[in-house]
Amino acid sequence: MSLEFLVATGIGAVTATGIYLILRGRTWPVVIGLSLLGYAVNVFIFAMGRLWLDAAPILGAASQVADPLPQALVLTAIVIGFATTGFVIELALRSRHEAGTDHVDGHEPGGPHERSSQA
């Protein structure tokens, strides 16, 4: 089994889990799902720079050199993702406080709002 297959399988599993959590009806699974999707994208970008073994990180006499651009992109994405996650958590807390529920549309399934619209 190759390293590329393991990385691709791991990225696929994390992406599938993130999508499953995003489709849930509560805010906290949605926040965790968005974070997992961000992690999967970061690993994907990092893997696009090729998976080198024994490659020099700095230009020199080595024949293979690791590409620093994906590493810089992932580092930037981690910082932006952390700030975005903090903002989304604050939005979820505010929504919970104002709506009284943590359901994504602000109404509990089977609650009084849904029952009155079905009658």
PDB file of N, CA and C in Angstrom:
ATOM      1  N   MET A   1       0.853  -1.175   0.000  1.00  0.00           N
ATOM      2  CA  MET A   1       0.000   0.000   0.000  1.00  0.00           C
ATOM      3  C   MET A   1       0.898   1.237   0.000  1.00  0.00           C
ATOM      4  N   SER A   2       0.587   2.160  -0.871  1.00  0.00           N
ATOM      5  CA  SER A   2       1.448   3.328  -1.019  1.00  0.00           C
ATOM      6  C   SER A   2       1.036   4.441  -0.051  1.00  0.00           C
ATOM      7  N   LEU A   3       1.974   5.360   0.150  1.00  0.00           N
ATOM      8  CA  LEU A   3       1.726   6.507   1.005  1.00  0.00           C
ATOM      9  C   LEU A   3       0.649   7.400   0.411  1.00  0.00           C
ATOM     10  N   GLU A   4       0.640   7.542  -0.911  1.00  0.00           N
ATOM     11  CA  GLU A   4      -0.362   8.375  -1.560  1.00  0.00           C
ATOM     12  C   GLU A   4      -1.769   7.830  -1.350  1.00  0.00           C
ATOM     13  N   PHE A   5      -1.912   6.499  -1.408  1.00  0.00           N
ATOM     14  CA  PHE A   5      -3.219   5.876  -1.180  1.00  0.00           C
ATOM     15  C   PHE A   5      -3.691   6.121   0.247  1.00  0.00           C
ATOM     16  N   LEU A   6      -2.801   5.999   1.213  1.00  0.00           N
ATOM     17  CA  LEU A   6      -3.177   6.234   2.611  1.00  0.00           C
ATOM     18  C   LEU A   6      -3.581   7.686   2.851  1.00  0.00           C
ATOM     19  N   VAL A   7      -2.838   8.615   2.276  1.00  0.00           N
ATOM     20  CA  VAL A   7      -3.173  10.035   2.443  1.00  0.00           C
ATOM     21  C   VAL A   7      -4.508  10.334   1.769  1.00  0.00           C
ATOM     22  N   ALA A   8      -4.717   9.822   0.559  1.00  0.00           N
ATOM     23  CA  ALA A   8      -5.977  10.063  -0.147  1.00  0.00           C
ATOM     24  C   ALA A   8      -7.158   9.450   0.607  1.00  0.00           C
ATOM     25  N   THR A   9      -6.979   8.259   1.154  1.00  0.00           N
ATOM     26  CA  THR A   9      -8.041   7.623   1.932  1.00  0.00           C
ATOM     27  C   THR A   9      -8.339   8.421   3.197  1.00  0.00           C
ATOM     28  N   GLY A  10      -7.313   8.896   3.860  1.00  0.00           N
ATOM     29  CA  GLY A  10      -7.511   9.713   5.062  1.00  0.00           C
ATOM     30  C   GLY A  10      -8.232  11.017   4.748  1.00  0.00           C
ATOM     31  N   ILE A  11      -7.830  11.675   3.662  1.00  0.00           N
ATOM     32  CA  ILE A  11      -8.502  12.927   3.258  1.00  0.00           C
ATOM     33  C   ILE A  11      -9.968  12.646   2.923  1.00  0.00           C
ATOM     34  N   GLY A  12     -10.229  11.554   2.232  1.00  0.00           N
ATOM     35  CA  GLY A  12     -11.611  11.201   1.887  1.00  0.00           C
ATOM     36  C   GLY A  12     -12.451  10.904   3.112  1.00  0.00           C
ATOM     37  N   ALA A  13     -11.883  10.196   4.088  1.00  0.00           N
ATOM     38  CA  ALA A  13     -12.629   9.871   5.305  1.00  0.00           C
ATOM     39  C   ALA A  13     -12.944  11.129   6.116  1.00  0.00           C
ATOM     40  N   VAL A  14     -11.969  12.032   6.245  1.00  0.00           N
ATOM     41  CA  VAL A  14     -12.200  13.268   6.992  1.00  0.00           C
ATOM     42  C   VAL A  14     -13.208  14.147   6.259  1.00  0.00           C
ATOM     43  N   THR A  15     -13.136  14.205   4.923  1.00  0.00           N
ATOM     44  CA  THR A  15     -14.093  14.981   4.142  1.00  0.00           C
ATOM     45  C   THR A  15     -15.504  14.422   4.289  1.00  0.00           C
ATOM     46  N   ALA A  16     -15.647  13.101   4.202  1.00  0.00           N
ATOM     47  CA  ALA A  16     -16.970  12.477   4.339  1.00  0.00           C
ATOM     48  C   ALA A  16     -17.549  12.732   5.730  1.00  0.00           C
ATOM     49  N   THR A  17     -16.720  12.637   6.756  1.00  0.00           N
ATOM     50  CA  THR A  17     -17.182  12.910   8.115  1.00  0.00           C
ATOM     51  C   THR A  17     -17.598  14.366   8.267  1.00  0.00           C
ATOM     52  N   GLY A  18     -16.816  15.288   7.681  1.00  0.00           N
ATOM     53  CA  GLY A  18     -17.160  16.701   7.743  1.00  0.00           C
ATOM     54  C   GLY A  18     -18.475  17.005   7.047  1.00  0.00           C
ATOM     55  N   ILE A  19     -18.699  16.417   5.881  1.00  0.00           N
ATOM     56  CA  ILE A  19     -19.955  16.638   5.164  1.00  0.00           C
ATOM     57  C   ILE A  19     -21.126  16.062   5.945  1.00  0.00           C
ATOM     58  N   TYR A  20     -20.949  14.881   6.529  1.00  0.00           N
ATOM     59  CA  TYR A  20     -22.014  14.287   7.344  1.00  0.00           C
ATOM     60  C   TYR A  20     -22.374  15.202   8.512  1.00  0.00           C
ATOM     61  N   LEU A  21     -21.376  15.749   9.182  1.00  0.00           N
ATOM     62  CA  LEU A  21     -21.652  16.620  10.320  1.00  0.00           C
ATOM     63  C   LEU A  21     -22.271  17.942   9.893  1.00  0.00           C
ATOM     64  N   ILE A  22     -21.899  18.465   8.733  1.00  0.00           N
ATOM     65  CA  ILE A  22     -22.488  19.711   8.254  1.00  0.00           C
ATOM     66  C   ILE A  22     -23.980  19.533   7.978  1.00  0.00           C
ATOM     67  N   LEU A  23     -24.388  18.349   7.563  1.00  0.00           N
ATOM     68  CA  LEU A  23     -25.792  18.105   7.243  1.00  0.00           C
ATOM     69  C   LEU A  23     -26.654  17.806   8.467  1.00  0.00           C
ATOM     70  N   ARG A  24     -26.071  17.841   9.649  1.00  0.00           N
ATOM     71  CA  ARG A  24     -26.837  17.633  10.883  1.00  0.00           C
ATOM     72  C   ARG A  24     -27.678  18.867  11.170  1.00  0.00           C
ATOM     73  N   GLY A  25     -28.654  18.741  12.066  1.00  0.00           N
ATOM     74  CA  GLY A  25     -29.565  19.837  12.342  1.00  0.00           C
ATOM     75  C   GLY A  25     -29.161  20.735  13.494  1.00  0.00           C
ATOM     76  N   ARG A  26     -28.051  20.449  14.148  1.00  0.00           N
ATOM     77  CA  ARG A  26     -27.613  21.235  15.298  1.00  0.00           C
ATOM     78  C   ARG A  26     -26.389  22.063  14.930  1.00  0.00           C
ATOM     79  N   THR A  27     -26.155  23.141  15.666  1.00  0.00           N
ATOM     80  CA  THR A  27     -25.061  24.041  15.304  1.00  0.00           C
ATOM     81  C   THR A  27     -23.693  23.473  15.639  1.00  0.00           C
ATOM     82  N   TRP A  28     -23.547  22.778  16.757  1.00  0.00           N
ATOM     83  CA  TRP A  28     -22.210  22.301  17.128  1.00  0.00           C
ATOM     84  C   TRP A  28     -21.672  21.247  16.167  1.00  0.00           C
ATOM     85  N   PRO A  29     -22.479  20.273  15.725  1.00  0.00           N
ATOM     86  CA  PRO A  29     -21.952  19.375  14.688  1.00  0.00           C
ATOM     87  C   PRO A  29     -21.595  20.103  13.397  1.00  0.00           C
ATOM     88  N   VAL A  30     -22.327  21.162  13.063  1.00  0.00           N
ATOM     89  CA  VAL A  30     -22.008  21.932  11.861  1.00  0.00           C
ATOM     90  C   VAL A  30     -20.648  22.614  12.024  1.00  0.00           C
ATOM     91  N   VAL A  31     -20.389  23.176  13.203  1.00  0.00           N
ATOM     92  CA  VAL A  31     -19.096  23.827  13.462  1.00  0.00           C
ATOM     93  C   VAL A  31     -17.959  22.803  13.378  1.00  0.00           C
ATOM     94  N   ILE A  32     -18.151  21.645  13.979  1.00  0.00           N
ATOM     95  CA  ILE A  32     -17.120  20.595  13.927  1.00  0.00           C
ATOM     96  C   ILE A  32     -16.939  20.108  12.493  1.00  0.00           C
ATOM     97  N   GLY A  33     -18.032  19.963  11.742  1.00  0.00           N
ATOM     98  CA  GLY A  33     -17.947  19.544  10.343  1.00  0.00           C
ATOM     99  C   GLY A  33     -17.183  20.538   9.484  1.00  0.00           C
ATOM    100  N   LEU A  34     -17.428  21.833   9.699  1.00  0.00           N
ATOM    101  CA  LEU A  34     -16.680  22.850   8.959  1.00  0.00           C
ATOM    102  C   LEU A  34     -15.196  22.797   9.305  1.00  0.00           C
ATOM    103  N   SER A  35     -14.886  22.572  10.565  1.00  0.00           N
ATOM    104  CA  SER A  35     -13.478  22.456  10.963  1.00  0.00           C
ATOM    105  C   SER A  35     -12.825  21.237  10.309  1.00  0.00           C
ATOM    106  N   LEU A  36     -13.538  20.117  10.295  1.00  0.00           N
ATOM    107  CA  LEU A  36     -12.985  18.916   9.657  1.00  0.00           C
ATOM    108  C   LEU A  36     -12.768  19.130   8.158  1.00  0.00           C
ATOM    109  N   LEU A  37     -13.704  19.806   7.499  1.00  0.00           N
ATOM    110  CA  LEU A  37     -13.502  20.105   6.080  1.00  0.00           C
ATOM    111  C   LEU A  37     -12.292  21.002   5.869  1.00  0.00           C
ATOM    112  N   GLY A  38     -12.095  21.956   6.768  1.00  0.00           N
ATOM    113  CA  GLY A  38     -10.908  22.803   6.682  1.00  0.00           C
ATOM    114  C   GLY A  38      -9.629  22.002   6.838  1.00  0.00           C
ATOM    115  N   TYR A  39      -9.628  21.056   7.776  1.00  0.00           N
ATOM    116  CA  TYR A  39      -8.450  20.205   7.961  1.00  0.00           C
ATOM    117  C   TYR A  39      -8.188  19.354   6.723  1.00  0.00           C
ATOM    118  N   ALA A  40      -9.259  18.810   6.143  1.00  0.00           N
ATOM    119  CA  ALA A  40      -9.099  17.976   4.939  1.00  0.00           C
ATOM    120  C   ALA A  40      -8.538  18.795   3.783  1.00  0.00           C
ATOM    121  N   VAL A  41      -9.014  20.010   3.618  1.00  0.00           N
ATOM    122  CA  VAL A  41      -8.499  20.871   2.547  1.00  0.00           C
ATOM    123  C   VAL A  41      -7.034  21.209   2.794  1.00  0.00           C
ATOM    124  N   ASN A  42      -6.666  21.469   4.045  1.00  0.00           N
ATOM    125  CA  ASN A  42      -5.266  21.767   4.365  1.00  0.00           C
ATOM    126  C   ASN A  42      -4.351  20.592   4.029  1.00  0.00           C
ATOM    127  N   VAL A  43      -4.754  19.396   4.386  1.00  0.00           N
ATOM    128  CA  VAL A  43      -3.933  18.218   4.068  1.00  0.00           C
ATOM    129  C   VAL A  43      -3.884  17.998   2.565  1.00  0.00           C
ATOM    130  N   PHE A  44      -4.998  18.260   1.880  1.00  0.00           N
ATOM    131  CA  PHE A  44      -5.028  18.127   0.425  1.00  0.00           C
ATOM    132  C   PHE A  44      -4.058  19.106  -0.233  1.00  0.00           C
ATOM    133  N   ILE A  45      -4.082  20.371   0.204  1.00  0.00           N
ATOM    134  CA  ILE A  45      -3.154  21.363  -0.355  1.00  0.00           C
ATOM    135  C   ILE A  45      -1.715  20.961  -0.067  1.00  0.00           C
ATOM    136  N   PHE A  46      -1.464  20.492   1.153  1.00  0.00           N
ATOM    137  CA  PHE A  46      -0.120  20.079   1.515  1.00  0.00           C
ATOM    138  C   PHE A  46       0.338  18.893   0.662  1.00  0.00           C
ATOM    139  N   ALA A  47      -0.571  17.962   0.405  1.00  0.00           N
ATOM    140  CA  ALA A  47      -0.216  16.785  -0.403  1.00  0.00           C
ATOM    141  C   ALA A  47      -0.016  17.148  -1.867  1.00  0.00           C
ATOM    142  N   MET A  48      -0.633  18.218  -2.339  1.00  0.00           N
ATOM    143  CA  MET A  48      -0.451  18.628  -3.729  1.00  0.00           C
ATOM    144  C   MET A  48       0.975  19.102  -4.002  1.00  0.00           C
ATOM    145  N   GLY A  49       1.701  19.452  -2.960  1.00  0.00           N
ATOM    146  CA  GLY A  49       3.097  19.825  -3.122  1.00  0.00           C
ATOM    147  C   GLY A  49       4.000  18.610  -3.240  1.00  0.00           C
ATOM    148  N   ARG A  50       3.432  17.436  -3.396  1.00  0.00           N
ATOM    149  CA  ARG A  50       4.085  16.138  -3.505  1.00  0.00           C
ATOM    150  C   ARG A  50       4.604  15.691  -2.154  1.00  0.00           C
ATOM    151  N   LEU A  51       4.555  14.424  -1.952  1.00  0.00           N
ATOM    152  CA  LEU A  51       5.036  13.821  -0.718  1.00  0.00           C
ATOM    153  C   LEU A  51       6.465  13.355  -0.946  1.00  0.00           C
ATOM    154  N   TRP A  52       7.420  14.146  -0.494  1.00  0.00           N
ATOM    155  CA  TRP A  52       8.833  13.847  -0.709  1.00  0.00           C
ATOM    156  C   TRP A  52       9.400  13.140   0.512  1.00  0.00           C
ATOM    157  N   LEU A  53      10.290  12.214   0.249  1.00  0.00           N
ATOM    158  CA  LEU A  53      11.076  11.585   1.308  1.00  0.00           C
ATOM    159  C   LEU A  53      12.525  12.011   1.133  1.00  0.00           C
ATOM    160  N   ASP A  54      13.156  12.447   2.201  1.00  0.00           N
ATOM    161  CA  ASP A  54      14.563  12.863   2.208  1.00  0.00           C
ATOM    162  C   ASP A  54      14.838  14.009   1.233  1.00  0.00           C
ATOM    163  N   ALA A  55      13.920  14.947   1.107  1.00  0.00           N
ATOM    164  CA  ALA A  55      14.127  16.120   0.255  1.00  0.00           C
ATOM    165  C   ALA A  55      14.584  17.286   1.122  1.00  0.00           C
ATOM    166  N   ALA A  56      15.497  18.044   0.592  1.00  0.00           N
ATOM    167  CA  ALA A  56      16.024  19.182   1.339  1.00  0.00           C
ATOM    168  C   ALA A  56      14.989  20.299   1.395  1.00  0.00           C
ATOM    169  N   PRO A  57      14.797  20.928   2.570  1.00  0.00           N
ATOM    170  CA  PRO A  57      13.835  22.026   2.649  1.00  0.00           C
ATOM    171  C   PRO A  57      14.379  23.338   2.089  1.00  0.00           C
ATOM    172  N   ILE A  58      15.683  23.429   1.883  1.00  0.00           N
ATOM    173  CA  ILE A  58      16.316  24.651   1.393  1.00  0.00           C
ATOM    174  C   ILE A  58      17.129  24.301   0.158  1.00  0.00           C
ATOM    175  N   LEU A  59      17.137  25.198  -0.830  1.00  0.00           N
ATOM    176  CA  LEU A  59      17.912  24.956  -2.046  1.00  0.00           C
ATOM    177  C   LEU A  59      19.385  24.784  -1.712  1.00  0.00           C
ATOM    178  N   GLY A  60      19.975  23.842  -2.356  1.00  0.00           N
ATOM    179  CA  GLY A  60      21.393  23.581  -2.146  1.00  0.00           C
ATOM    180  C   GLY A  60      21.873  22.594  -3.175  1.00  0.00           C
ATOM    181  N   ALA A  61      22.748  21.709  -2.758  1.00  0.00           N
ATOM    182  CA  ALA A  61      23.320  20.732  -3.669  1.00  0.00           C
ATOM    183  C   ALA A  61      22.438  19.506  -3.856  1.00  0.00           C
ATOM    184  N   ALA A  62      21.326  19.419  -3.126  1.00  0.00           N
ATOM    185  CA  ALA A  62      20.455  18.244  -3.214  1.00  0.00           C
ATOM    186  C   ALA A  62      19.723  18.217  -4.561  1.00  0.00           C
ATOM    187  N   SER A  63      19.450  17.008  -5.048  1.00  0.00           N
ATOM    188  CA  SER A  63      18.761  16.875  -6.328  1.00  0.00           C
ATOM    189  C   SER A  63      17.255  17.085  -6.170  1.00  0.00           C
ATOM    190  N   GLN A  64      16.676  16.688  -5.038  1.00  0.00           N
ATOM    191  CA  GLN A  64      15.259  16.884  -4.782  1.00  0.00           C
ATOM    192  C   GLN A  64      15.090  17.980  -3.727  1.00  0.00           C
ATOM    193  N   VAL A  65      14.181  18.873  -4.003  1.00  0.00           N
ATOM    194  CA  VAL A  65      13.922  19.974  -3.074  1.00  0.00           C
ATOM    195  C   VAL A  65      12.427  20.018  -2.807  1.00  0.00           C
ATOM    196  N   ALA A  66      12.045  20.125  -1.543  1.00  0.00           N
ATOM    197  CA  ALA A  66      10.632  20.236  -1.177  1.00  0.00           C
ATOM    198  C   ALA A  66      10.103  21.617  -1.575  1.00  0.00           C
ATOM    199  N   ASP A  67       8.877  21.644  -2.071  1.00  0.00           N
ATOM    200  CA  ASP A  67       8.262  22.897  -2.495  1.00  0.00           C
ATOM    201  C   ASP A  67       7.715  23.630  -1.271  1.00  0.00           C
ATOM    202  N   PRO A  68       8.182  24.849  -0.987  1.00  0.00           N
ATOM    203  CA  PRO A  68       7.726  25.554   0.207  1.00  0.00           C
ATOM    204  C   PRO A  68       6.372  26.240   0.044  1.00  0.00           C
ATOM    205  N   LEU A  69       5.870  26.397  -1.182  1.00  0.00           N
ATOM    206  CA  LEU A  69       4.612  27.112  -1.392  1.00  0.00           C
ATOM    207  C   LEU A  69       3.416  26.430  -0.724  1.00  0.00           C
ATOM    208  N   PRO A  70       3.210  25.105  -0.882  1.00  0.00           N
ATOM    209  CA  PRO A  70       2.074  24.478  -0.182  1.00  0.00           C
ATOM    210  C   PRO A  70       2.190  24.594   1.336  1.00  0.00           C
ATOM    211  N   GLN A  71       3.402  24.552   1.838  1.00  0.00           N
ATOM    212  CA  GLN A  71       3.582  24.694   3.285  1.00  0.00           C
ATOM    213  C   GLN A  71       3.171  26.081   3.747  1.00  0.00           C
ATOM    214  N   ALA A  72       3.520  27.103   2.985  1.00  0.00           N
ATOM    215  CA  ALA A  72       3.135  28.469   3.332  1.00  0.00           C
ATOM    216  C   ALA A  72       1.624  28.659   3.207  1.00  0.00           C
ATOM    217  N   LEU A  73       1.027  28.079   2.172  1.00  0.00           N
ATOM    218  CA  LEU A  73      -0.423  28.178   2.007  1.00  0.00           C
ATOM    219  C   LEU A  73      -1.165  27.507   3.156  1.00  0.00           C
ATOM    220  N   VAL A  74      -0.704  26.334   3.567  1.00  0.00           N
ATOM    221  CA  VAL A  74      -1.355  25.618   4.663  1.00  0.00           C
ATOM    222  C   VAL A  74      -1.188  26.376   5.968  1.00  0.00           C
ATOM    223  N   LEU A  75      -0.027  26.931   6.212  1.00  0.00           N
ATOM    224  CA  LEU A  75       0.183  27.697   7.438  1.00  0.00           C
ATOM    225  C   LEU A  75      -0.758  28.899   7.485  1.00  0.00           C
ATOM    226  N   THR A  76      -0.907  29.584   6.375  1.00  0.00           N
ATOM    227  CA  THR A  76      -1.839  30.706   6.306  1.00  0.00           C
ATOM    228  C   THR A  76      -3.275  30.233   6.489  1.00  0.00           C
ATOM    229  N   ALA A  77      -3.633  29.110   5.869  1.00  0.00           N
ATOM    230  CA  ALA A  77      -4.991  28.580   5.986  1.00  0.00           C
ATOM    231  C   ALA A  77      -5.306  28.146   7.415  1.00  0.00           C
ATOM    232  N   ILE A  78      -4.323  27.633   8.135  1.00  0.00           N
ATOM    233  CA  ILE A  78      -4.541  27.244   9.531  1.00  0.00           C
ATOM    234  C   ILE A  78      -4.894  28.462  10.373  1.00  0.00           C
ATOM    235  N   VAL A  79      -4.164  29.548  10.186  1.00  0.00           N
ATOM    236  CA  VAL A  79      -4.424  30.768  10.953  1.00  0.00           C
ATOM    237  C   VAL A  79      -5.801  31.334  10.607  1.00  0.00           C
ATOM    238  N   ILE A  80      -6.135  31.401   9.326  1.00  0.00           N
ATOM    239  CA  ILE A  80      -7.432  31.920   8.908  1.00  0.00           C
ATOM    240  C   ILE A  80      -8.551  30.992   9.387  1.00  0.00           C
ATOM    241  N   GLY A  81      -8.331  29.685   9.299  1.00  0.00           N
ATOM    242  CA  GLY A  81      -9.331  28.722   9.764  1.00  0.00           C
ATOM    243  C   GLY A  81      -9.588  28.818  11.258  1.00  0.00           C
ATOM    244  N   PHE A  82      -8.548  29.069  12.035  1.00  0.00           N
ATOM    245  CA  PHE A  82      -8.723  29.225  13.478  1.00  0.00           C
ATOM    246  C   PHE A  82      -9.566  30.460  13.787  1.00  0.00           C
ATOM    247  N   ALA A  83      -9.296  31.554  13.105  1.00  0.00           N
ATOM    248  CA  ALA A  83     -10.076  32.774  13.324  1.00  0.00           C
ATOM    249  C   ALA A  83     -11.524  32.583  12.870  1.00  0.00           C
ATOM    250  N   THR A  84     -11.724  31.926  11.744  1.00  0.00           N
ATOM    251  CA  THR A  84     -13.069  31.682  11.243  1.00  0.00           C
ATOM    252  C   THR A  84     -13.851  30.770  12.177  1.00  0.00           C
ATOM    253  N   THR A  85     -13.188  29.743  12.715  1.00  0.00           N
ATOM    254  CA  THR A  85     -13.848  28.839  13.653  1.00  0.00           C
ATOM    255  C   THR A  85     -14.280  29.591  14.906  1.00  0.00           C
ATOM    256  N   GLY A  86     -13.433  30.466  15.405  1.00  0.00           N
ATOM    257  CA  GLY A  86     -13.814  31.277  16.561  1.00  0.00           C
ATOM    258  C   GLY A  86     -15.022  32.147  16.270  1.00  0.00           C
ATOM    259  N   PHE A  87     -15.065  32.734  15.077  1.00  0.00           N
ATOM    260  CA  PHE A  87     -16.198  33.568  14.686  1.00  0.00           C
ATOM    261  C   PHE A  87     -17.478  32.746  14.559  1.00  0.00           C
ATOM    262  N   VAL A  88     -17.395  31.562  13.960  1.00  0.00           N
ATOM    263  CA  VAL A  88     -18.574  30.712  13.794  1.00  0.00           C
ATOM    264  C   VAL A  88     -19.077  30.226  15.151  1.00  0.00           C
ATOM    265  N   ILE A  89     -18.167  29.932  16.077  1.00  0.00           N
ATOM    266  CA  ILE A  89     -18.588  29.535  17.420  1.00  0.00           C
ATOM    267  C   ILE A  89     -19.321  30.685  18.099  1.00  0.00           C
ATOM    268  N   GLU A  90     -18.819  31.893  17.949  1.00  0.00           N
ATOM    269  CA  GLU A  90     -19.508  33.054  18.518  1.00  0.00           C
ATOM    270  C   GLU A  90     -20.890  33.231  17.900  1.00  0.00           C
ATOM    271  N   LEU A  91     -21.020  33.047  16.582  1.00  0.00           N
ATOM    272  CA  LEU A  91     -22.329  33.125  15.945  1.00  0.00           C
ATOM    273  C   LEU A  91     -23.278  32.051  16.464  1.00  0.00           C
ATOM    274  N   ALA A  92     -22.764  30.834  16.673  1.00  0.00           N
ATOM    275  CA  ALA A  92     -23.596  29.748  17.188  1.00  0.00           C
ATOM    276  C   ALA A  92     -24.066  30.048  18.609  1.00  0.00           C
ATOM    277  N   LEU A  93     -23.174  30.597  19.431  1.00  0.00           N
ATOM    278  CA  LEU A  93     -23.563  30.949  20.801  1.00  0.00           C
ATOM    279  C   LEU A  93     -24.610  32.062  20.796  1.00  0.00           C
ATOM    280  N   ARG A  94     -24.440  33.046  19.934  1.00  0.00           N
ATOM    281  CA  ARG A  94     -25.408  34.143  19.849  1.00  0.00           C
ATOM    282  C   ARG A  94     -26.761  33.636  19.357  1.00  0.00           C
ATOM    283  N   SER A  95     -26.745  32.758  18.367  1.00  0.00           N
ATOM    284  CA  SER A  95     -27.982  32.188  17.855  1.00  0.00           C
ATOM    285  C   SER A  95     -28.689  31.365  18.927  1.00  0.00           C
ATOM    286  N   ARG A  96     -27.926  30.613  19.690  1.00  0.00           N
ATOM    287  CA  ARG A  96     -28.503  29.811  20.788  1.00  0.00           C
ATOM    288  C   ARG A  96     -29.132  30.715  21.832  1.00  0.00           C
ATOM    289  N   HIS A  97     -28.478  31.816  22.131  1.00  0.00           N
ATOM    290  CA  HIS A  97     -28.988  32.742  23.135  1.00  0.00           C
ATOM    291  C   HIS A  97     -30.280  33.425  22.658  1.00  0.00           C
ATOM    292  N   GLU A  98     -30.316  33.855  21.408  1.00  0.00           N
ATOM    293  CA  GLU A  98     -31.483  34.588  20.923  1.00  0.00           C
ATOM    294  C   GLU A  98     -32.653  33.679  20.549  1.00  0.00           C
ATOM    295  N   ALA A  99     -32.383  32.503  19.988  1.00  0.00           N
ATOM    296  CA  ALA A  99     -33.460  31.615  19.546  1.00  0.00           C
ATOM    297  C   ALA A  99     -33.909  30.661  20.644  1.00  0.00           C
ATOM    298  N   GLY A 100     -33.059  30.422  21.629  1.00  0.00           N
ATOM    299  CA  GLY A 100     -33.417  29.484  22.687  1.00  0.00           C
ATOM    300  C   GLY A 100     -33.221  28.032  22.292  1.00  0.00           C
ATOM    301  N   THR A 101     -32.667  27.789  21.121  1.00  0.00           N
ATOM    302  CA  THR A 101     -32.394  26.432  20.655  1.00  0.00           C
ATOM    303  C   THR A 101     -31.107  26.449  19.844  1.00  0.00           C
ATOM    304  N   ASP A 102     -30.488  25.283  19.722  1.00  0.00           N
ATOM    305  CA  ASP A 102     -29.272  25.219  18.911  1.00  0.00           C
ATOM    306  C   ASP A 102     -29.530  24.563  17.558  1.00  0.00           C
ATOM    307  N   HIS A 103     -30.794  24.472  17.161  1.00  0.00           N
ATOM    308  CA  HIS A 103     -31.110  23.949  15.835  1.00  0.00           C
ATOM    309  C   HIS A 103     -30.752  25.005  14.795  1.00  0.00           C
ATOM    310  N   VAL A 104     -30.271  24.584  13.632  1.00  0.00           N
ATOM    311  CA  VAL A 104     -29.720  25.528  12.667  1.00  0.00           C
ATOM    312  C   VAL A 104     -30.741  26.517  12.116  1.00  0.00           C
ATOM    313  N   ASP A 105     -32.016  26.143  12.033  1.00  0.00           N
ATOM    314  CA  ASP A 105     -33.007  27.099  11.533  1.00  0.00           C
ATOM    315  C   ASP A 105     -33.729  27.828  12.659  1.00  0.00           C
ATOM    316  N   GLY A 106     -33.369  27.572  13.902  1.00  0.00           N
ATOM    317  CA  GLY A 106     -33.945  28.281  15.035  1.00  0.00           C
ATOM    318  C   GLY A 106     -35.235  27.687  15.560  1.00  0.00           C
ATOM    319  N   HIS A 107     -35.711  26.587  14.984  1.00  0.00           N
ATOM    320  CA  HIS A 107     -36.947  25.948  15.426  1.00  0.00           C
ATOM    321  C   HIS A 107     -36.680  24.473  15.682  1.00  0.00           C
ATOM    322  N   GLU A 108     -37.153  23.976  16.811  1.00  0.00           N
ATOM    323  CA  GLU A 108     -37.020  22.555  17.123  1.00  0.00           C
ATOM    324  C   GLU A 108     -37.948  21.738  16.228  1.00  0.00           C
ATOM    325  N   PRO A 109     -37.476  20.598  15.714  1.00  0.00           N
ATOM    326  CA  PRO A 109     -38.381  19.730  14.947  1.00  0.00           C
ATOM    327  C   PRO A 109     -39.477  19.205  15.862  1.00  0.00           C
ATOM    328  N   GLY A 110     -40.709  19.295  15.425  1.00  0.00           N
ATOM    329  CA  GLY A 110     -41.836  18.837  16.232  1.00  0.00           C
ATOM    330  C   GLY A 110     -42.244  19.836  17.302  1.00  0.00           C
ATOM    331  N   GLY A 111     -41.651  21.024  17.276  1.00  0.00           N
ATOM    332  CA  GLY A 111     -41.973  22.053  18.261  1.00  0.00           C
ATOM    333  C   GLY A 111     -43.285  22.741  17.920  1.00  0.00           C
ATOM    334  N   PRO A 112     -43.697  23.741  18.722  1.00  0.00           N
ATOM    335  CA  PRO A 112     -44.992  24.399  18.493  1.00  0.00           C
ATOM    336  C   PRO A 112     -45.067  25.126  17.155  1.00  0.00           C
ATOM    337  N   HIS A 113     -43.946  25.669  16.664  1.00  0.00           N
ATOM    338  CA  HIS A 113     -43.963  26.377  15.385  1.00  0.00           C
ATOM    339  C   HIS A 113     -44.262  25.426  14.231  1.00  0.00           C
ATOM    340  N   GLU A 114     -43.665  24.234  14.277  1.00  0.00           N
ATOM    341  CA  GLU A 114     -43.864  23.274  13.191  1.00  0.00           C
ATOM    342  C   GLU A 114     -45.255  22.665  13.261  1.00  0.00           C
ATOM    343  N   ARG A 115     -45.758  22.403  14.464  1.00  0.00           N
ATOM    344  CA  ARG A 115     -47.083  21.804  14.597  1.00  0.00           C
ATOM    345  C   ARG A 115     -48.179  22.761  14.109  1.00  0.00           C
ATOM    346  N   SER A 116     -48.026  24.062  14.376  1.00  0.00           N
ATOM    347  CA  SER A 116     -49.058  25.017  13.968  1.00  0.00           C
ATOM    348  C   SER A 116     -49.089  25.187  12.451  1.00  0.00           C
ATOM    349  N   SER A 117     -47.937  25.029  11.772  1.00  0.00           N
ATOM    350  CA  SER A 117     -47.918  25.182  10.318  1.00  0.00           C
ATOM    351  C   SER A 117     -48.454  23.945   9.610  1.00  0.00           C
ATOM    352  N   GLN A 118     -48.496  22.795  10.290  1.00  0.00           N
ATOM    353  CA  GLN A 118     -48.992  21.575   9.670  1.00  0.00           C
ATOM    354  C   GLN A 118     -50.506  21.446   9.815  1.00  0.00           C
ATOM    355  N   ALA A 119     -51.099  22.174  10.715  1.00  0.00           N
ATOM    356  CA  ALA A 119     -52.533  22.034  10.983  1.00  0.00           C
ATOM    357  C   ALA A 119     -53.401  22.664   9.919  1.00  0.00           C
TER     358      ALA A 119
END
